[in-house]
Structure formats: structure tokens, C-alpha cells
Amino acid sequence: MRTDDQISIFVSALNPEAVKPFNLNQTTNQSASNYLIDADGMIEFPVLGRVEVAGLTTVEATEMLKKRLLQYINNPIVNVRLTNFKFTILGEVRAPGVYTVNQERLTLPEAIGMARDLDIMGIYKNVRVIREENGIRTETHVNFTSDSIFHSPVYYVRQNDLIYIEPHNRKINRTTDNLRYWTVTMSTTSFLINMYFILTRNN
């Protein structure tokens, strides 16, 4: 989790009255409280005050809050979820765009499947994943035709990942050929128009 992420936290226990002070939304016993991680990586949690969560996974944040709550609640149950987990997928897929999901553990094949799989012209051997962590941007190339994908550091999609599916060379060539065709066509048309005016003026 990082700055500006939105998370939901729900605290429960055998004694419902004991957890009420720790849930901002007390209208129902099943409503989670929503938090925005501020510029310092902190959230303002009831009773506990400011709690640092940036840099933690939801699992790590869950365990940390459980330990902090033990002094107030017997056997607390904490549910932490990232509510604005999103990634972008561009290139040769049928439905490119920005996707927001309510799950943090999403694989690269699942993400591409959400974009309705690779277009027929997409390259399975060179899927690029661009990721930024701690201000450092990295680019990883993944080969979907190799078992190495399961050991790739980008096999699990992370918040704000950019996935790019390169076009096949045939599409690039086809686009280039189309451009050449229209260039030649426009040149020919211009030539004929110029000849028409020259002949008309001479007559």
C-alpha cells in the first residue's frame, strides 16, 4: 500500500460492543470504515490514533492492527482491503483501459483476461509491465509462451502497473503499407489536379 491508496478496515470480535469504538461506521455491524493513506503514509484510526500503513501489504497491515488491538479487545478479527486497486492495460488487447478491482492478489494472465485477452495481432512473447516503486520505474518483459512467467517478479499485478501488449510485426507492416498507399494516392491525386489546372489554363 502507498500514499493516496484507499483502504477499508472492519474490526469484529465475539463481543460486538467492544469493537464499536474501532469502526467509524457504526450504522451496521458489518460496515467497514474507509481510510485514505495521507502524504506521510498514515491513517487516523479510532482510539489508536495515527497509524503508519504505507509500505505494508493488506496482510501485514491486518496483523499489525490485530497486535495493537489486543490491549483493548479479546481475539480481534481485522479485515483490511485495498478499495482502489487499479492497473492500466494498453496495446493489442480487445478492451484497453484502466481497470479498478476489489482484490489485491491478481495475476498477470487474469489482468489480461479482464481486457478480453490478447488481440490476434498481440505478441505473447513480449508483454511489457512498467512498474514504479519508491520513485523508481522499471520495465519487465514477460514471455507468455514460457514457464518462466510463473517466476517473474511481475506475475502478480501491483497497484498502478502499466501492462503493454506490443503489436505483431505484421500489423506494423500493414500500417506502414497503408501509410505508403495513402501517400502515393495523395501524391497521384495532387499531380492530376495540377495537370488539370495547367491544361485548362493553357486552353
N, C-alpha and C. Protein backbone atom coordinates (compact mmCIF):
# COMPACT_ATOMS: atom_id res chain seq x y z
N MET A 1 0.84 -1.18 0.00
CA MET A 1 0.00 0.00 0.00
C MET A 1 0.88 1.24 0.00
N ARG A 2 0.35 2.33 -0.56
CA ARG A 2 1.14 3.54 -0.68
C ARG A 2 0.27 4.78 -0.48
N THR A 3 0.93 5.94 -0.49
CA THR A 3 0.22 7.21 -0.34
C THR A 3 -0.92 7.33 -1.35
N ASP A 4 -2.04 7.86 -0.89
CA ASP A 4 -3.25 8.09 -1.69
C ASP A 4 -4.06 6.83 -1.98
N ASP A 5 -3.59 5.69 -1.49
CA ASP A 5 -4.42 4.49 -1.60
C ASP A 5 -5.62 4.61 -0.66
N GLN A 6 -6.72 4.02 -1.07
CA GLN A 6 -7.90 3.97 -0.22
C GLN A 6 -8.07 2.55 0.31
N ILE A 7 -8.26 2.43 1.60
CA ILE A 7 -8.42 1.10 2.19
C ILE A 7 -9.68 1.09 3.07
N SER A 8 -10.23 -0.09 3.22
CA SER A 8 -11.35 -0.27 4.15
C SER A 8 -10.90 -1.21 5.26
N ILE A 9 -11.33 -0.91 6.48
CA ILE A 9 -10.95 -1.71 7.64
C ILE A 9 -12.21 -2.02 8.45
N PHE A 10 -12.38 -3.29 8.76
CA PHE A 10 -13.50 -3.69 9.60
C PHE A 10 -12.98 -4.52 10.76
N VAL A 11 -13.35 -4.15 11.97
CA VAL A 11 -12.92 -4.85 13.18
C VAL A 11 -14.13 -5.55 13.79
N SER A 12 -13.96 -6.82 14.10
CA SER A 12 -15.04 -7.57 14.74
C SER A 12 -14.48 -8.44 15.85
N ALA A 13 -15.37 -8.95 16.70
CA ALA A 13 -14.99 -9.82 17.82
C ALA A 13 -16.24 -10.48 18.36
N LEU A 14 -16.05 -11.38 19.30
CA LEU A 14 -17.20 -12.07 19.90
C LEU A 14 -18.10 -11.08 20.63
N ASN A 15 -17.50 -10.05 21.19
CA ASN A 15 -18.25 -9.03 21.90
C ASN A 15 -18.44 -7.82 20.98
N PRO A 16 -19.60 -7.65 20.34
CA PRO A 16 -19.82 -6.55 19.39
C PRO A 16 -19.64 -5.18 20.02
N GLU A 17 -19.98 -5.04 21.29
CA GLU A 17 -19.86 -3.74 21.94
C GLU A 17 -18.39 -3.31 22.06
N ALA A 18 -17.51 -4.29 22.20
CA ALA A 18 -16.10 -3.97 22.40
C ALA A 18 -15.45 -3.37 21.15
N VAL A 19 -15.99 -3.68 19.98
CA VAL A 19 -15.36 -3.22 18.74
C VAL A 19 -15.97 -1.92 18.20
N LYS A 20 -17.08 -1.48 18.76
CA LYS A 20 -17.74 -0.29 18.25
C LYS A 20 -16.82 0.94 18.16
N PRO A 21 -16.01 1.20 19.17
CA PRO A 21 -15.14 2.39 19.08
C PRO A 21 -14.12 2.33 17.96
N PHE A 22 -13.89 1.13 17.39
CA PHE A 22 -12.84 0.97 16.38
C PHE A 22 -13.39 0.94 14.95
N ASN A 23 -14.68 1.08 14.81
CA ASN A 23 -15.30 1.15 13.49
C ASN A 23 -15.96 2.51 13.33
N LEU A 24 -15.48 3.28 12.37
CA LEU A 24 -16.03 4.62 12.18
C LEU A 24 -17.51 4.58 11.82
N ASN A 25 -17.87 3.62 10.97
CA ASN A 25 -19.25 3.48 10.54
C ASN A 25 -19.94 2.47 11.44
N GLN A 26 -20.77 2.95 12.35
CA GLN A 26 -21.41 2.07 13.33
C GLN A 26 -22.89 1.88 13.05
N THR A 27 -23.32 2.20 11.82
CA THR A 27 -24.73 2.07 11.50
C THR A 27 -25.16 0.61 11.42
N THR A 28 -24.21 -0.23 10.97
CA THR A 28 -24.50 -1.67 10.95
C THR A 28 -23.29 -2.40 11.51
N ASN A 29 -23.49 -3.64 11.88
CA ASN A 29 -22.40 -4.42 12.45
C ASN A 29 -21.45 -4.96 11.38
N GLN A 30 -21.80 -4.76 10.08
CA GLN A 30 -20.98 -5.32 9.01
C GLN A 30 -20.37 -4.25 8.12
N SER A 31 -20.47 -2.98 8.50
CA SER A 31 -19.97 -1.89 7.65
C SER A 31 -18.51 -1.60 7.95
N ALA A 32 -17.70 -1.64 6.89
CA ALA A 32 -16.28 -1.32 7.05
C ALA A 32 -16.08 0.19 7.03
N SER A 33 -14.99 0.64 7.64
CA SER A 33 -14.64 2.05 7.64
C SER A 33 -13.61 2.31 6.54
N ASN A 34 -13.76 3.42 5.85
CA ASN A 34 -12.86 3.75 4.74
C ASN A 34 -11.83 4.78 5.17
N TYR A 35 -10.59 4.58 4.70
CA TYR A 35 -9.48 5.46 5.06
C TYR A 35 -8.67 5.80 3.82
N LEU A 36 -8.14 7.03 3.79
CA LEU A 36 -7.23 7.45 2.73
C LEU A 36 -5.85 7.59 3.35
N ILE A 37 -4.87 6.92 2.76
CA ILE A 37 -3.50 7.00 3.28
C ILE A 37 -2.92 8.36 2.91
N ASP A 38 -2.52 9.13 3.91
CA ASP A 38 -2.09 10.51 3.67
C ASP A 38 -0.66 10.57 3.15
N ALA A 39 -0.18 11.80 2.95
CA ALA A 39 1.15 12.02 2.36
C ALA A 39 2.27 11.44 3.21
N ASP A 40 2.02 11.24 4.50
CA ASP A 40 3.03 10.66 5.39
C ASP A 40 2.90 9.14 5.50
N GLY A 41 1.96 8.57 4.73
CA GLY A 41 1.77 7.12 4.78
C GLY A 41 0.95 6.66 5.97
N MET A 42 0.19 7.58 6.56
CA MET A 42 -0.55 7.29 7.79
C MET A 42 -2.07 7.32 7.56
N ILE A 43 -2.78 6.65 8.46
CA ILE A 43 -4.23 6.79 8.57
C ILE A 43 -4.56 7.18 10.00
N GLU A 44 -5.70 7.83 10.18
CA GLU A 44 -6.17 8.20 11.52
C GLU A 44 -7.15 7.14 11.97
N PHE A 45 -6.68 6.24 12.85
CA PHE A 45 -7.50 5.10 13.26
C PHE A 45 -8.12 5.39 14.63
N PRO A 46 -9.39 5.05 14.80
CA PRO A 46 -10.06 5.31 16.09
C PRO A 46 -9.29 4.71 17.26
N VAL A 47 -9.18 5.47 18.32
CA VAL A 47 -8.53 5.08 19.58
C VAL A 47 -7.01 4.97 19.41
N LEU A 48 -6.55 4.27 18.40
CA LEU A 48 -5.11 4.08 18.22
C LEU A 48 -4.41 5.33 17.73
N GLY A 49 -5.14 6.24 17.12
CA GLY A 49 -4.53 7.46 16.59
C GLY A 49 -3.90 7.24 15.22
N ARG A 50 -2.83 7.97 14.92
CA ARG A 50 -2.19 7.86 13.62
C ARG A 50 -1.39 6.57 13.54
N VAL A 51 -1.68 5.81 12.48
CA VAL A 51 -1.04 4.51 12.29
C VAL A 51 -0.42 4.48 10.90
N GLU A 52 0.83 4.10 10.84
CA GLU A 52 1.53 4.04 9.54
C GLU A 52 1.23 2.71 8.84
N VAL A 53 0.74 2.80 7.61
CA VAL A 53 0.40 1.59 6.86
C VAL A 53 1.07 1.54 5.48
N ALA A 54 1.58 2.68 5.02
CA ALA A 54 2.25 2.70 3.71
C ALA A 54 3.45 1.76 3.73
N GLY A 55 3.63 1.02 2.66
CA GLY A 55 4.71 0.06 2.58
C GLY A 55 4.34 -1.33 3.05
N LEU A 56 3.14 -1.46 3.64
CA LEU A 56 2.67 -2.77 4.09
C LEU A 56 1.70 -3.36 3.08
N THR A 57 1.63 -4.67 3.04
CA THR A 57 0.56 -5.33 2.30
C THR A 57 -0.68 -5.33 3.19
N THR A 58 -1.81 -5.67 2.62
CA THR A 58 -3.02 -5.73 3.44
C THR A 58 -2.89 -6.81 4.53
N VAL A 59 -2.19 -7.88 4.22
CA VAL A 59 -1.99 -8.95 5.21
C VAL A 59 -1.14 -8.43 6.37
N GLU A 60 -0.07 -7.71 6.03
CA GLU A 60 0.82 -7.17 7.07
C GLU A 60 0.09 -6.12 7.92
N ALA A 61 -0.73 -5.30 7.25
CA ALA A 61 -1.49 -4.28 8.00
C ALA A 61 -2.50 -4.94 8.92
N THR A 62 -3.09 -6.02 8.47
CA THR A 62 -4.06 -6.76 9.29
C THR A 62 -3.40 -7.28 10.56
N GLU A 63 -2.24 -7.90 10.42
CA GLU A 63 -1.53 -8.47 11.57
C GLU A 63 -1.08 -7.37 12.52
N MET A 64 -0.61 -6.26 11.97
CA MET A 64 -0.15 -5.15 12.81
C MET A 64 -1.30 -4.59 13.64
N LEU A 65 -2.47 -4.39 13.02
CA LEU A 65 -3.62 -3.85 13.74
C LEU A 65 -4.13 -4.84 14.79
N LYS A 66 -4.10 -6.11 14.47
CA LYS A 66 -4.52 -7.13 15.45
C LYS A 66 -3.69 -7.01 16.73
N LYS A 67 -2.38 -6.91 16.57
CA LYS A 67 -1.50 -6.82 17.73
C LYS A 67 -1.77 -5.55 18.53
N ARG A 68 -2.02 -4.45 17.82
CA ARG A 68 -2.28 -3.18 18.51
C ARG A 68 -3.62 -3.21 19.26
N LEU A 69 -4.57 -3.97 18.73
CA LEU A 69 -5.91 -4.00 19.32
C LEU A 69 -6.05 -5.00 20.47
N LEU A 70 -5.07 -5.88 20.62
CA LEU A 70 -5.16 -6.90 21.67
C LEU A 70 -5.27 -6.29 23.07
N GLN A 71 -4.75 -5.10 23.26
CA GLN A 71 -4.84 -4.48 24.59
C GLN A 71 -6.24 -3.94 24.89
N TYR A 72 -7.09 -3.91 23.86
CA TYR A 72 -8.45 -3.41 24.05
C TYR A 72 -9.52 -4.49 23.82
N ILE A 73 -9.22 -5.48 22.95
CA ILE A 73 -10.23 -6.46 22.54
C ILE A 73 -9.64 -7.86 22.66
N ASN A 74 -10.44 -8.79 23.13
CA ASN A 74 -10.04 -10.20 23.15
C ASN A 74 -10.25 -10.81 21.77
N ASN A 75 -9.20 -11.41 21.22
CA ASN A 75 -9.26 -12.09 19.92
C ASN A 75 -9.92 -11.23 18.83
N PRO A 76 -9.34 -10.08 18.54
CA PRO A 76 -9.94 -9.24 17.50
C PRO A 76 -9.78 -9.85 16.11
N ILE A 77 -10.75 -9.62 15.26
CA ILE A 77 -10.70 -10.03 13.86
C ILE A 77 -10.66 -8.76 13.02
N VAL A 78 -9.63 -8.63 12.21
CA VAL A 78 -9.45 -7.42 11.41
C VAL A 78 -9.45 -7.77 9.94
N ASN A 79 -10.22 -7.02 9.17
CA ASN A 79 -10.29 -7.23 7.72
C ASN A 79 -9.85 -5.94 7.04
N VAL A 80 -8.71 -5.98 6.35
CA VAL A 80 -8.19 -4.82 5.63
C VAL A 80 -8.23 -5.11 4.13
N ARG A 81 -8.82 -4.18 3.39
CA ARG A 81 -8.90 -4.35 1.94
C ARG A 81 -8.49 -3.06 1.24
N LEU A 82 -7.83 -3.22 0.10
CA LEU A 82 -7.49 -2.08 -0.75
C LEU A 82 -8.66 -1.87 -1.70
N THR A 83 -9.29 -0.71 -1.62
CA THR A 83 -10.54 -0.49 -2.39
C THR A 83 -10.34 0.21 -3.72
N ASN A 84 -9.14 0.75 -3.98
CA ASN A 84 -8.93 1.42 -5.26
C ASN A 84 -7.77 0.80 -6.03
N PHE A 85 -7.62 -0.52 -5.94
CA PHE A 85 -6.56 -1.21 -6.65
C PHE A 85 -6.83 -1.10 -8.15
N LYS A 86 -5.89 -0.48 -8.86
CA LYS A 86 -6.12 -0.31 -10.30
C LYS A 86 -4.83 -0.54 -11.08
N PHE A 87 -5.01 -0.90 -12.34
CA PHE A 87 -3.90 -1.07 -13.26
C PHE A 87 -4.37 -0.63 -14.65
N THR A 88 -3.41 -0.38 -15.51
CA THR A 88 -3.72 0.06 -16.88
C THR A 88 -3.18 -0.97 -17.86
N ILE A 89 -3.97 -1.29 -18.87
CA ILE A 89 -3.51 -2.21 -19.90
C ILE A 89 -3.77 -1.57 -21.27
N LEU A 90 -2.72 -1.51 -22.07
CA LEU A 90 -2.77 -0.85 -23.37
C LEU A 90 -2.19 -1.76 -24.45
N GLY A 91 -2.38 -1.37 -25.69
CA GLY A 91 -1.80 -2.13 -26.79
C GLY A 91 -2.80 -3.08 -27.41
N GLU A 92 -2.31 -4.24 -27.82
CA GLU A 92 -3.12 -5.18 -28.60
C GLU A 92 -3.98 -6.09 -27.73
N VAL A 93 -4.94 -5.49 -27.04
CA VAL A 93 -5.99 -6.23 -26.35
C VAL A 93 -7.32 -5.70 -26.86
N ARG A 94 -8.38 -6.44 -26.65
CA ARG A 94 -9.67 -6.06 -27.21
C ARG A 94 -10.34 -4.93 -26.43
N ALA A 95 -9.96 -4.77 -25.16
CA ALA A 95 -10.60 -3.73 -24.35
C ALA A 95 -9.54 -3.02 -23.50
N PRO A 96 -8.67 -2.20 -24.11
CA PRO A 96 -7.66 -1.48 -23.34
C PRO A 96 -8.30 -0.44 -22.43
N GLY A 97 -7.59 -0.08 -21.37
CA GLY A 97 -8.10 0.95 -20.46
C GLY A 97 -7.57 0.78 -19.05
N VAL A 98 -8.15 1.55 -18.15
CA VAL A 98 -7.79 1.49 -16.72
C VAL A 98 -8.82 0.62 -16.01
N TYR A 99 -8.35 -0.35 -15.25
CA TYR A 99 -9.23 -1.27 -14.54
C TYR A 99 -9.07 -1.11 -13.03
N THR A 100 -10.18 -1.03 -12.34
CA THR A 100 -10.19 -0.99 -10.88
C THR A 100 -10.84 -2.26 -10.37
N VAL A 101 -10.16 -2.95 -9.47
CA VAL A 101 -10.67 -4.22 -8.96
C VAL A 101 -10.70 -4.19 -7.44
N ASN A 102 -11.48 -5.07 -6.86
CA ASN A 102 -11.60 -5.11 -5.40
C ASN A 102 -10.80 -6.24 -4.79
N GLN A 103 -9.75 -6.65 -5.49
CA GLN A 103 -8.87 -7.69 -4.98
C GLN A 103 -7.43 -7.24 -5.16
N GLU A 104 -6.59 -7.60 -4.21
CA GLU A 104 -5.19 -7.18 -4.28
C GLU A 104 -4.32 -8.25 -4.93
N ARG A 105 -4.75 -9.48 -4.90
CA ARG A 105 -3.94 -10.57 -5.45
C ARG A 105 -4.49 -10.94 -6.83
N LEU A 106 -3.90 -10.33 -7.85
CA LEU A 106 -4.35 -10.50 -9.23
C LEU A 106 -3.14 -10.88 -10.07
N THR A 107 -3.26 -11.95 -10.85
CA THR A 107 -2.13 -12.38 -11.68
C THR A 107 -2.16 -11.64 -13.02
N LEU A 108 -1.02 -11.65 -13.68
CA LEU A 108 -0.91 -11.00 -14.98
C LEU A 108 -1.84 -11.63 -16.02
N PRO A 109 -1.92 -12.97 -16.11
CA PRO A 109 -2.89 -13.56 -17.04
C PRO A 109 -4.32 -13.16 -16.73
N GLU A 110 -4.68 -13.06 -15.45
CA GLU A 110 -6.03 -12.64 -15.08
C GLU A 110 -6.30 -11.20 -15.52
N ALA A 111 -5.28 -10.35 -15.35
CA ALA A 111 -5.43 -8.94 -15.74
C ALA A 111 -5.67 -8.83 -17.25
N ILE A 112 -4.89 -9.57 -18.02
CA ILE A 112 -5.06 -9.53 -19.48
C ILE A 112 -6.40 -10.14 -19.87
N GLY A 113 -6.84 -11.15 -19.12
CA GLY A 113 -8.15 -11.75 -19.38
C GLY A 113 -9.28 -10.75 -19.16
N MET A 114 -9.11 -9.86 -18.18
CA MET A 114 -10.13 -8.83 -17.92
C MET A 114 -10.24 -7.88 -19.10
N ALA A 115 -9.14 -7.70 -19.84
CA ALA A 115 -9.14 -6.83 -21.02
C ALA A 115 -9.53 -7.63 -22.26
N ARG A 116 -10.19 -8.77 -22.03
CA ARG A 116 -10.70 -9.63 -23.11
C ARG A 116 -9.58 -10.23 -23.94
N ASP A 117 -8.50 -10.59 -23.27
CA ASP A 117 -7.41 -11.35 -23.86
C ASP A 117 -6.67 -10.55 -24.94
N LEU A 118 -5.60 -11.17 -25.45
CA LEU A 118 -4.79 -10.52 -26.47
C LEU A 118 -5.51 -10.52 -27.80
N ASP A 119 -5.35 -9.42 -28.52
CA ASP A 119 -5.85 -9.35 -29.88
C ASP A 119 -5.03 -10.32 -30.73
N ILE A 120 -5.55 -10.72 -31.87
CA ILE A 120 -4.86 -11.69 -32.72
C ILE A 120 -3.49 -11.20 -33.14
N MET A 121 -3.31 -9.87 -33.16
CA MET A 121 -2.02 -9.31 -33.56
C MET A 121 -1.09 -9.05 -32.38
N GLY A 122 -1.52 -9.36 -31.16
CA GLY A 122 -0.68 -9.13 -30.00
C GLY A 122 0.43 -10.16 -29.89
N ILE A 123 1.57 -9.74 -29.33
CA ILE A 123 2.71 -10.64 -29.19
C ILE A 123 2.70 -11.28 -27.81
N TYR A 124 2.54 -12.59 -27.76
CA TYR A 124 2.54 -13.31 -26.48
C TYR A 124 3.95 -13.39 -25.89
N LYS A 125 4.95 -13.26 -26.74
CA LYS A 125 6.32 -13.46 -26.26
C LYS A 125 6.94 -12.21 -25.65
N ASN A 126 6.29 -11.08 -25.77
CA ASN A 126 6.91 -9.85 -25.27
C ASN A 126 5.86 -8.92 -24.69
N VAL A 127 5.32 -9.32 -23.53
CA VAL A 127 4.39 -8.47 -22.79
C VAL A 127 5.22 -7.61 -21.84
N ARG A 128 5.02 -6.31 -21.90
CA ARG A 128 5.83 -5.39 -21.08
C ARG A 128 5.01 -4.91 -19.89
N VAL A 129 5.63 -4.96 -18.71
CA VAL A 129 4.99 -4.47 -17.49
C VAL A 129 5.87 -3.35 -16.92
N ILE A 130 5.30 -2.15 -16.85
CA ILE A 130 6.02 -0.99 -16.33
C ILE A 130 5.50 -0.71 -14.92
N ARG A 131 6.41 -0.68 -13.98
CA ARG A 131 6.04 -0.55 -12.57
C ARG A 131 6.91 0.53 -11.90
N GLU A 132 6.29 1.30 -11.04
CA GLU A 132 7.03 2.33 -10.31
C GLU A 132 6.93 2.07 -8.81
N GLU A 133 8.09 1.98 -8.18
CA GLU A 133 8.17 1.75 -6.74
C GLU A 133 9.21 2.68 -6.13
N ASN A 134 8.80 3.40 -5.11
CA ASN A 134 9.71 4.34 -4.42
C ASN A 134 10.35 5.32 -5.40
N GLY A 135 9.57 5.76 -6.38
CA GLY A 135 10.06 6.73 -7.34
C GLY A 135 10.94 6.16 -8.44
N ILE A 136 11.14 4.85 -8.44
CA ILE A 136 11.97 4.20 -9.45
C ILE A 136 11.09 3.40 -10.40
N ARG A 137 11.21 3.68 -11.69
CA ARG A 137 10.40 3.00 -12.69
C ARG A 137 11.19 1.87 -13.34
N THR A 138 10.58 0.69 -13.39
CA THR A 138 11.23 -0.47 -14.01
C THR A 138 10.32 -1.03 -15.10
N GLU A 139 10.95 -1.67 -16.06
CA GLU A 139 10.20 -2.31 -17.14
C GLU A 139 10.62 -3.77 -17.25
N THR A 140 9.66 -4.66 -17.17
CA THR A 140 9.93 -6.10 -17.21
C THR A 140 9.22 -6.71 -18.42
N HIS A 141 9.94 -7.55 -19.16
CA HIS A 141 9.37 -8.22 -20.32
C HIS A 141 9.00 -9.65 -19.94
N VAL A 142 7.80 -10.06 -20.31
CA VAL A 142 7.29 -11.38 -19.92
C VAL A 142 6.96 -12.17 -21.18
N ASN A 143 7.39 -13.43 -21.20
CA ASN A 143 7.09 -14.34 -22.31
C ASN A 143 5.98 -15.29 -21.87
N PHE A 144 4.79 -15.12 -22.44
CA PHE A 144 3.65 -15.95 -22.05
C PHE A 144 3.75 -17.38 -22.57
N THR A 145 4.69 -17.63 -23.47
CA THR A 145 4.84 -18.98 -24.01
C THR A 145 5.86 -19.80 -23.22
N SER A 146 6.40 -19.20 -22.15
CA SER A 146 7.42 -19.88 -21.35
C SER A 146 6.95 -20.04 -19.90
N ASP A 147 7.41 -21.12 -19.26
CA ASP A 147 7.08 -21.35 -17.85
C ASP A 147 7.71 -20.30 -16.94
N SER A 148 8.64 -19.53 -17.47
CA SER A 148 9.32 -18.53 -16.66
C SER A 148 8.35 -17.45 -16.16
N ILE A 149 7.19 -17.35 -16.79
CA ILE A 149 6.21 -16.34 -16.37
C ILE A 149 5.81 -16.53 -14.91
N PHE A 150 5.78 -17.79 -14.45
CA PHE A 150 5.35 -18.08 -13.08
C PHE A 150 6.38 -17.62 -12.05
N HIS A 151 7.61 -17.38 -12.50
CA HIS A 151 8.67 -16.94 -11.59
C HIS A 151 9.00 -15.46 -11.80
N SER A 152 8.24 -14.80 -12.65
CA SER A 152 8.50 -13.40 -12.94
C SER A 152 8.12 -12.52 -11.74
N PRO A 153 8.88 -11.47 -11.47
CA PRO A 153 8.54 -10.56 -10.36
C PRO A 153 7.26 -9.78 -10.61
N VAL A 154 6.76 -9.82 -11.86
CA VAL A 154 5.53 -9.09 -12.18
C VAL A 154 4.36 -10.05 -12.43
N TYR A 155 4.54 -11.31 -12.04
CA TYR A 155 3.45 -12.28 -12.23
C TYR A 155 2.19 -11.83 -11.50
N TYR A 156 2.38 -11.26 -10.30
CA TYR A 156 1.26 -10.68 -9.57
C TYR A 156 1.23 -9.18 -9.84
N VAL A 157 0.12 -8.71 -10.34
CA VAL A 157 -0.03 -7.30 -10.67
C VAL A 157 -0.06 -6.47 -9.39
N ARG A 158 0.57 -5.30 -9.44
CA ARG A 158 0.56 -4.38 -8.30
C ARG A 158 -0.17 -3.09 -8.66
N GLN A 159 -0.48 -2.36 -7.64
CA GLN A 159 -1.18 -1.09 -7.80
C GLN A 159 -0.47 -0.20 -8.83
N ASN A 160 -1.25 0.31 -9.80
CA ASN A 160 -0.78 1.27 -10.81
C ASN A 160 0.18 0.68 -11.84
N ASP A 161 0.24 -0.64 -11.96
CA ASP A 161 1.05 -1.25 -13.01
C ASP A 161 0.51 -0.85 -14.38
N LEU A 162 1.43 -0.68 -15.34
CA LEU A 162 1.05 -0.45 -16.74
C LEU A 162 1.47 -1.67 -17.54
N ILE A 163 0.51 -2.32 -18.15
CA ILE A 163 0.76 -3.52 -18.96
C ILE A 163 0.59 -3.14 -20.43
N TYR A 164 1.60 -3.41 -21.22
CA TYR A 164 1.55 -3.04 -22.63
C TYR A 164 1.79 -4.27 -23.50
N ILE A 165 0.85 -4.51 -24.41
CA ILE A 165 0.94 -5.63 -25.35
C ILE A 165 1.40 -5.09 -26.69
N GLU A 166 2.60 -5.47 -27.11
CA GLU A 166 3.14 -4.95 -28.36
C GLU A 166 2.39 -5.53 -29.56
N PRO A 167 2.25 -4.74 -30.63
CA PRO A 167 1.62 -5.25 -31.84
C PRO A 167 2.55 -6.20 -32.58
N HIS A 168 1.97 -7.11 -33.31
CA HIS A 168 2.74 -8.04 -34.12
C HIS A 168 3.37 -7.30 -35.29
N ASN A 169 4.51 -7.80 -35.76
CA ASN A 169 5.19 -7.15 -36.88
C ASN A 169 4.29 -7.04 -38.11
N ARG A 170 3.40 -8.02 -38.27
CA ARG A 170 2.50 -7.98 -39.43
C ARG A 170 1.61 -6.76 -39.39
N LYS A 171 1.18 -6.38 -38.17
CA LYS A 171 0.32 -5.20 -38.06
C LYS A 171 1.13 -3.95 -38.32
N ILE A 172 2.36 -3.91 -37.80
CA ILE A 172 3.21 -2.76 -38.06
C ILE A 172 3.44 -2.60 -39.55
N ASN A 173 3.74 -3.74 -40.22
CA ASN A 173 3.97 -3.69 -41.66
C ASN A 173 2.72 -3.26 -42.41
N ARG A 174 1.55 -3.78 -41.93
CA ARG A 174 0.30 -3.43 -42.58
C ARG A 174 0.01 -1.95 -42.43
N THR A 175 0.28 -1.40 -41.24
CA THR A 175 0.08 0.03 -41.01
C THR A 175 1.00 0.85 -41.89
N THR A 176 2.26 0.41 -42.00
CA THR A 176 3.23 1.11 -42.85
C THR A 176 2.81 1.07 -44.30
N ASP A 177 2.33 -0.13 -44.76
CA ASP A 177 1.88 -0.26 -46.14
C ASP A 177 0.69 0.65 -46.42
N ASN A 178 -0.24 0.74 -45.45
CA ASN A 178 -1.41 1.61 -45.62
C ASN A 178 -0.97 3.07 -45.73
N LEU A 179 0.01 3.44 -44.91
CA LEU A 179 0.50 4.81 -44.95
C LEU A 179 1.14 5.11 -46.30
N ARG A 180 1.92 4.14 -46.78
CA ARG A 180 2.55 4.33 -48.09
C ARG A 180 1.49 4.45 -49.19
N TYR A 181 0.45 3.61 -49.08
CA TYR A 181 -0.62 3.63 -50.09
C TYR A 181 -1.28 5.00 -50.15
N TRP A 182 -1.63 5.52 -48.96
CA TRP A 182 -2.31 6.82 -48.93
C TRP A 182 -1.38 7.94 -49.35
N THR A 183 -0.09 7.81 -49.09
CA THR A 183 0.87 8.83 -49.52
C THR A 183 0.96 8.85 -51.03
N VAL A 184 1.05 7.64 -51.64
CA VAL A 184 1.11 7.55 -53.09
C VAL A 184 -0.18 8.05 -53.72
N THR A 185 -1.32 7.66 -53.11
CA THR A 185 -2.62 8.08 -53.63
C THR A 185 -2.77 9.59 -53.61
N MET A 186 -2.38 10.19 -52.46
CA MET A 186 -2.48 11.64 -52.35
C MET A 186 -1.55 12.32 -53.34
N SER A 187 -0.35 11.77 -53.53
CA SER A 187 0.60 12.36 -54.47
C SER A 187 0.07 12.29 -55.89
N THR A 188 -0.52 11.15 -56.25
CA THR A 188 -1.09 10.99 -57.59
C THR A 188 -2.25 11.94 -57.81
N THR A 189 -3.10 12.04 -56.79
CA THR A 189 -4.26 12.94 -56.88
C THR A 189 -3.81 14.38 -57.06
N SER A 190 -2.80 14.78 -56.28
CA SER A 190 -2.28 16.14 -56.39
C SER A 190 -1.71 16.39 -57.78
N PHE A 191 -1.00 15.39 -58.32
CA PHE A 191 -0.41 15.53 -59.65
C PHE A 191 -1.49 15.71 -60.70
N LEU A 192 -2.57 14.91 -60.64
CA LEU A 192 -3.64 15.01 -61.62
C LEU A 192 -4.37 16.35 -61.54
N ILE A 193 -4.57 16.82 -60.28
CA ILE A 193 -5.23 18.11 -60.12
C ILE A 193 -4.39 19.23 -60.72
N ASN A 194 -3.07 19.18 -60.45
CA ASN A 194 -2.18 20.20 -61.01
C ASN A 194 -2.17 20.17 -62.53
N MET A 195 -2.13 18.97 -63.12
CA MET A 195 -2.15 18.83 -64.58
C MET A 195 -3.44 19.38 -65.16
N TYR A 196 -4.55 19.15 -64.47
CA TYR A 196 -5.84 19.64 -64.95
C TYR A 196 -5.85 21.17 -65.04
N PHE A 197 -5.34 21.84 -63.98
CA PHE A 197 -5.31 23.31 -63.98
C PHE A 197 -4.35 23.84 -65.04
N ILE A 198 -3.21 23.15 -65.25
CA ILE A 198 -2.26 23.60 -66.25
C ILE A 198 -2.87 23.51 -67.66
N LEU A 199 -3.51 22.38 -67.93
CA LEU A 199 -4.10 22.19 -69.25
C LEU A 199 -5.27 23.15 -69.47
N THR A 200 -6.05 23.38 -68.41
CA THR A 200 -7.20 24.28 -68.52
C THR A 200 -6.74 25.71 -68.77
N ARG A 201 -5.67 26.12 -68.08
CA ARG A 201 -5.15 27.47 -68.22
C ARG A 201 -4.55 27.70 -69.60
N ASN A 202 -3.89 26.65 -70.14
CA ASN A 202 -3.28 26.78 -71.47
C ASN A 202 -4.34 26.88 -72.56
N ASN A 203 -5.50 26.26 -72.30
CA ASN A 203 -6.57 26.31 -73.30
C ASN A 203 -7.33 27.62 -73.21
